[in-house]
Amino acid sequence: KQPIHGFIHYNTVLMNKVCLTKSHADEIAQYNVLIHTIGPGRMATERAFAIDSIKANKLGISSEEVAAQSKNAIPLARYGTPEEFAKVVTFFVSDACTYMTGSSVLVDGGMVRAI
């Protein structure tokens, strides 16, 4: 929904995944199969910390400064946790989610401004 600067290949793959999900939702709904895309924002994971470190090295600042800048761009002002992401995934695989398909949900603390 909002490309990440400097990640052209990643952005391309993600948009293809969202389009593929929507197309499959139409085709497999007749079999009562549900499909969704769940997009993580900045999660407190080793990958996010590694990206912060790479950016810090390029800018000549500390990883903590990069993380602070990233957090300032997130309305909730923090990285999400893998557990918070898992809670959303749990909803989509639960009996509470029986009349939704083809959705694309962001778990990003409000970071993406797209509607």
Protein backbone atom coordinates (compact mmCIF):
# COMPACT_ATOMS: atom_id res chain seq x y z
CA LYS A 1 0.00 0.00 0.00
CA GLN A 2 3.02 2.23 0.45
CA PRO A 3 6.35 1.32 -1.18
CA ILE A 4 9.47 1.30 0.97
CA HIS A 5 12.21 3.54 -0.40
CA GLY A 6 15.23 1.58 -1.61
CA PHE A 7 13.48 -1.81 -1.68
CA ILE A 8 12.28 -1.99 -5.30
CA HIS A 9 12.37 -5.79 -5.59
CA TYR A 10 10.68 -6.29 -2.22
CA ASN A 11 7.97 -3.75 -3.12
CA THR A 12 7.30 -5.49 -6.43
CA VAL A 13 6.93 -8.90 -4.80
CA LEU A 14 4.63 -7.54 -2.10
CA MET A 15 2.26 -5.89 -4.55
CA ASN A 16 2.13 -9.07 -6.61
CA LYS A 17 1.26 -11.00 -3.45
CA VAL A 18 -1.63 -8.66 -2.64
CA CYS A 19 -3.00 -8.86 -6.20
CA LEU A 20 -2.61 -12.63 -6.26
CA THR A 21 -4.45 -12.92 -2.95
CA LYS A 22 -7.38 -10.87 -4.26
CA SER A 23 -7.55 -12.88 -7.48
CA HIS A 24 -7.39 -16.21 -5.66
CA ALA A 25 -10.09 -15.08 -3.22
CA ASP A 26 -12.53 -14.74 -6.12
CA GLU A 27 -11.61 -18.09 -7.58
CA ILE A 28 -11.58 -20.25 -4.44
CA ALA A 29 -14.47 -18.70 -2.50
CA GLN A 30 -16.85 -21.20 -4.12
CA TYR A 31 -15.01 -23.92 -2.19
CA ASN A 32 -15.43 -22.00 1.07
CA VAL A 33 -11.68 -21.33 1.22
CA LEU A 34 -10.68 -17.97 2.64
CA ILE A 35 -7.47 -16.12 1.85
CA HIS A 36 -5.97 -12.90 3.21
CA THR A 37 -2.79 -10.88 3.16
CA ILE A 38 -1.46 -9.61 6.49
CA GLY A 39 1.28 -7.01 6.23
CA PRO A 40 3.63 -6.32 9.11
CA GLY A 41 4.96 -2.87 9.83
CA ARG A 42 8.12 -2.34 11.85
CA MET A 43 8.23 -5.37 14.10
CA ALA A 44 10.78 -5.81 16.89
CA THR A 45 12.63 -8.64 15.14
CA GLU A 46 16.25 -9.43 14.33
CA ARG A 47 15.55 -8.44 10.70
CA ALA A 48 14.31 -4.97 11.70
CA PHE A 49 17.31 -4.47 13.99
CA ALA A 50 19.66 -5.55 11.17
CA ILE A 51 18.05 -3.05 8.78
CA ASP A 52 18.43 -0.34 11.42
CA SER A 53 22.10 -1.26 11.77
CA ILE A 54 22.73 -1.13 8.01
CA LYS A 55 21.02 2.25 7.78
CA ALA A 56 22.98 3.53 10.78
CA ASN A 57 26.27 2.51 9.16
CA LYS A 58 25.32 4.30 5.93
CA LEU A 59 24.34 7.47 7.80
CA GLY A 60 27.17 7.37 10.32
CA ILE A 61 24.84 7.37 13.32
CA SER A 62 23.94 4.82 15.96
CA SER A 63 21.35 2.09 15.50
CA GLU A 64 19.47 3.59 18.44
CA GLU A 65 19.17 6.90 16.58
CA VAL A 66 17.85 5.13 13.50
CA ALA A 67 15.33 3.22 15.64
CA ALA A 68 14.22 6.48 17.28
CA GLN A 69 13.69 8.05 13.84
CA SER A 70 11.70 5.02 12.72
CA LYS A 71 9.56 5.10 15.84
CA ASN A 72 8.84 8.80 15.29
CA ALA A 73 7.27 7.86 11.93
CA ILE A 74 4.87 5.40 13.60
CA PRO A 75 1.78 6.92 15.26
CA LEU A 76 2.04 4.39 18.13
CA ALA A 77 5.72 5.46 18.45
CA ARG A 78 7.15 1.95 18.82
CA TYR A 79 7.89 -1.23 16.92
CA GLY A 80 5.25 -3.92 17.08
CA THR A 81 5.94 -7.29 18.61
CA PRO A 82 5.77 -10.66 16.89
CA GLU A 83 3.08 -11.56 19.44
CA GLU A 84 0.92 -8.63 18.31
CA PHE A 85 1.25 -9.75 14.70
CA ALA A 86 0.41 -13.33 15.72
CA LYS A 87 -2.82 -12.16 17.36
CA VAL A 88 -4.05 -10.82 14.02
CA VAL A 89 -3.03 -14.02 12.24
CA THR A 90 -4.87 -15.98 14.94
CA PHE A 91 -8.05 -14.04 14.18
CA PHE A 92 -7.86 -14.90 10.48
CA VAL A 93 -7.48 -18.62 11.15
CA SER A 94 -10.16 -18.70 13.84
CA ASP A 95 -13.90 -19.36 13.69
CA ALA A 96 -14.42 -15.61 14.20
CA CYS A 97 -13.31 -15.04 10.59
CA THR A 98 -15.84 -16.84 8.42
CA TYR A 99 -17.26 -14.09 6.22
CA MET A 100 -14.10 -12.33 5.07
CA THR A 101 -11.89 -13.17 2.13
CA GLY A 102 -9.45 -11.30 -0.09
CA SER A 103 -8.64 -8.69 2.52
CA SER A 104 -5.30 -7.01 2.99
CA VAL A 105 -4.66 -5.97 6.57
CA LEU A 106 -1.73 -3.98 7.93
CA VAL A 107 -0.38 -4.55 11.43
CA ASP A 108 1.78 -1.46 11.46
CA GLY A 109 0.92 0.83 14.36
CA GLY A 110 -0.70 3.26 11.89
CA MET A 111 2.53 3.80 9.94
CA VAL A 112 1.08 3.46 6.43
CA ARG A 113 -1.08 6.47 5.65
CA ALA A 114 -2.93 4.88 2.70
CA ILE A 115 -6.66 4.40 2.90
